[in-house]
């Protein structure tokens, strides 16, 4: 099984430990909410997200994959814990591999679309604004910091 298949299969099973093992120790991760994480932080992020969410389910389609890179389409369905609102997120992932492990991982999705679902009316009205984007990032960073401190 390739690293990409292993990673996303583990994701489907909420197996954050296997996901973390797929990352290179020099990895960098980015998405619209967590814009720049190192290997320790991304491993902690997956643990935090997969142990706090109870109804997450994903589907994925590997569009391209070779020895050095991959492109994946991912869909995730879950309840956003802060508002109890349902979210269906569509994500495009670009991955660079090094030594058979994920070295660069970039998830791209429409943050305004996500905020309309997750935040409701405030997301509809202001989800496009840098103020809301920065607030979402700050709350996520604080949650990650707390999760990492807890172990």
Protein backbone atom coordinates (compact mmCIF):
# COMPACT_ATOMS: atom_id res chain seq x y z
CA UNK A 1 0.00 0.00 0.00
CA UNK A 2 1.37 3.42 -0.91
CA UNK A 3 1.94 6.12 1.70
CA UNK A 4 -0.97 8.10 0.26
CA UNK A 5 -3.38 5.15 0.41
CA UNK A 6 -2.16 4.31 3.91
CA UNK A 7 -2.61 7.91 5.09
CA UNK A 8 -6.15 8.35 3.76
CA UNK A 9 -7.28 4.86 4.77
CA UNK A 10 -6.08 5.66 8.30
CA UNK A 11 -7.95 8.97 8.08
CA UNK A 12 -11.16 7.10 7.25
CA UNK A 13 -10.60 4.92 10.31
CA UNK A 14 -9.78 7.90 12.60
CA UNK A 15 -6.31 6.40 13.12
CA UNK A 16 -4.30 9.54 13.85
CA UNK A 17 -1.22 7.53 14.93
CA UNK A 18 -0.89 5.84 11.52
CA UNK A 19 -1.52 9.17 9.80
CA UNK A 20 1.27 10.73 11.86
CA UNK A 21 3.64 7.92 10.94
CA UNK A 22 3.14 8.81 7.26
CA UNK A 23 4.78 12.22 7.80
CA UNK A 24 8.47 12.94 7.37
CA UNK A 25 10.09 14.56 10.42
CA UNK A 26 10.78 17.68 8.32
CA UNK A 27 7.22 17.99 7.03
CA UNK A 28 5.29 21.21 6.61
CA UNK A 29 1.48 21.33 6.46
CA UNK A 30 -0.83 24.15 5.45
CA UNK A 31 -4.53 24.74 4.94
CA UNK A 32 -6.75 27.82 5.28
CA UNK A 33 -7.24 27.25 9.04
CA UNK A 34 -3.78 25.94 9.99
CA UNK A 35 -1.53 27.89 7.59
CA UNK A 36 1.92 26.63 8.63
CA UNK A 37 2.46 23.58 10.83
CA UNK A 38 5.61 21.55 11.38
CA UNK A 39 5.69 17.76 11.80
CA UNK A 40 4.98 17.80 15.54
CA UNK A 41 2.11 20.26 15.12
CA UNK A 42 0.45 18.45 12.19
CA UNK A 43 0.58 15.14 14.05
CA UNK A 44 -1.01 16.83 17.08
CA UNK A 45 -3.62 18.49 14.85
CA UNK A 46 -4.81 15.15 13.45
CA UNK A 47 -4.92 13.65 16.94
CA UNK A 48 -6.94 16.63 18.21
CA UNK A 49 -9.37 16.60 15.28
CA UNK A 50 -9.89 12.85 15.20
CA UNK A 51 -10.33 12.38 18.94
CA UNK A 52 -12.69 15.34 19.39
CA UNK A 53 -14.98 14.72 16.40
CA UNK A 54 -17.41 11.87 16.72
CA UNK A 55 -19.17 11.85 13.36
CA UNK A 56 -16.40 12.64 10.87
CA UNK A 57 -16.47 10.65 7.68
CA UNK A 58 -14.38 11.15 4.57
CA UNK A 59 -14.07 9.97 1.02
CA UNK A 60 -11.00 10.45 -1.11
CA UNK A 61 -9.87 10.01 -4.68
CA UNK A 62 -6.18 9.89 -5.55
CA UNK A 63 -5.99 11.86 -8.81
CA UNK A 64 -2.23 11.60 -9.35
CA UNK A 65 0.48 9.71 -7.54
CA UNK A 66 4.11 8.92 -8.20
CA UNK A 67 7.29 8.46 -6.15
CA UNK A 68 7.63 12.16 -5.34
CA UNK A 69 4.13 13.66 -5.30
CA UNK A 70 0.39 13.16 -5.18
CA UNK A 71 -2.80 15.08 -5.74
CA UNK A 72 -5.96 14.02 -3.89
CA UNK A 73 -9.59 15.13 -3.85
CA UNK A 74 -11.07 14.76 -0.40
CA UNK A 75 -14.57 15.27 0.93
CA UNK A 76 -15.27 15.47 4.65
CA UNK A 77 -18.61 15.48 6.45
CA UNK A 78 -18.80 16.31 10.15
CA UNK A 79 -20.49 18.40 12.80
CA UNK A 80 -18.54 21.53 13.71
CA UNK A 81 -18.11 21.17 17.47
CA UNK A 82 -18.39 24.85 18.41
CA UNK A 83 -21.75 25.46 16.71
CA UNK A 84 -23.10 21.90 16.25
CA UNK A 85 -23.66 22.75 12.57
CA UNK A 86 -23.12 20.19 9.77
CA UNK A 87 -20.20 20.77 7.41
CA UNK A 88 -19.41 19.22 4.04
CA UNK A 89 -15.93 20.31 3.06
CA UNK A 90 -14.40 19.75 -0.39
CA UNK A 91 -10.61 19.77 -0.31
CA UNK A 92 -7.87 19.54 -2.91
CA UNK A 93 -4.64 18.18 -1.50
CA UNK A 94 -1.17 18.47 -2.97
CA UNK A 95 1.54 16.33 -1.38
CA UNK A 96 5.29 16.15 -1.91
CA UNK A 97 7.02 12.98 -0.75
CA UNK A 98 10.54 12.56 0.57
CA UNK A 99 12.04 9.21 1.48
CA UNK A 100 8.62 7.63 0.97
CA UNK A 101 6.92 9.92 3.52
CA UNK A 102 4.79 13.06 3.30
CA UNK A 103 7.17 16.03 3.25
CA UNK A 104 4.87 18.86 2.13
CA UNK A 105 1.09 18.68 2.57
CA UNK A 106 -1.14 21.48 1.34
CA UNK A 107 -4.93 21.35 1.67
CA UNK A 108 -6.94 23.95 -0.24
CA UNK A 109 -10.61 24.62 0.36
CA UNK A 110 -13.03 27.54 0.19
CA UNK A 111 -12.91 29.05 3.69
CA UNK A 112 -15.95 31.23 3.02
CA UNK A 113 -17.98 28.18 1.97
CA UNK A 114 -16.76 26.39 5.11
CA UNK A 115 -17.60 29.36 7.35
CA UNK A 116 -21.13 29.65 5.94
CA UNK A 117 -21.74 26.04 6.96
CA UNK A 118 -19.82 25.98 10.24
CA UNK A 119 -20.69 29.44 11.55
CA UNK A 120 -24.17 30.01 10.14
CA UNK A 121 -25.34 33.58 9.54
CA UNK A 122 -22.11 35.20 10.76
CA UNK A 123 -20.23 33.07 8.25
CA UNK A 124 -22.65 34.03 5.48
CA UNK A 125 -22.29 37.73 6.23
CA UNK A 126 -18.63 37.94 7.20
CA UNK A 127 -16.98 34.63 6.33
CA UNK A 128 -15.14 36.22 3.42
CA UNK A 129 -13.58 38.91 5.64
CA UNK A 130 -9.97 38.77 6.87
CA UNK A 131 -11.25 39.48 10.40
CA UNK A 132 -13.26 36.23 10.45
CA UNK A 133 -10.47 34.25 8.77
CA UNK A 134 -7.99 35.51 11.36
CA UNK A 135 -10.40 34.73 14.22
CA UNK A 136 -10.93 31.16 12.94
CA UNK A 137 -7.16 30.71 12.68
CA UNK A 138 -6.56 32.14 16.17
CA UNK A 139 -9.16 29.86 17.78
CA UNK A 140 -7.75 26.84 15.92
CA UNK A 141 -4.18 27.71 16.94
CA UNK A 142 -5.22 28.11 20.59
CA UNK A 143 -7.03 24.75 20.50
CA UNK A 144 -3.96 23.08 19.01
CA UNK A 145 -1.68 24.66 21.61
CA UNK A 146 -3.96 23.43 24.40
CA UNK A 147 -4.12 19.92 22.90
CA UNK A 148 -0.33 19.77 22.57
CA UNK A 149 0.17 20.91 26.17
CA UNK A 150 -2.26 18.21 27.36
CA UNK A 151 -0.20 15.57 25.59
